[in-house]
Amino acid sequence: MNKNDTAVEREKAGKMFELNEKYKDFPERVSEYEIDGKKYIVHSRFVGEKNIDEVISRLAFERAVKETLA
C-alpha cells in the first residue's frame, strides 16, 4: 500500500490479510486469467464450509430449469 490509499482500501487489505491468515492451511488453487490484456491471479481456498448435497441439488435444479426453458 502507498500513502495515497484510502481508508476503505486499507480496511479491505486488512480484511484480506486476516482471511489469508485464517485459511492459510486449507487447500488452495491459483488460477490466472487475462482480460483485456491485463493479467489477474485468483487464489481460491477450499475451506469446506458448504453443504455439498445442497450445492449439487441447487446446480442440478438450475440446469434442469435452464434446459427445460431453452
Foldseek 3Di string as FASTA:
>chain_A
DDPPDDPVRVVVVVVVVVVCVVQVPFDWDWDWDADPNDIDIDIDGDDPPDDVVVVVVVVVVVVVVVVVVD
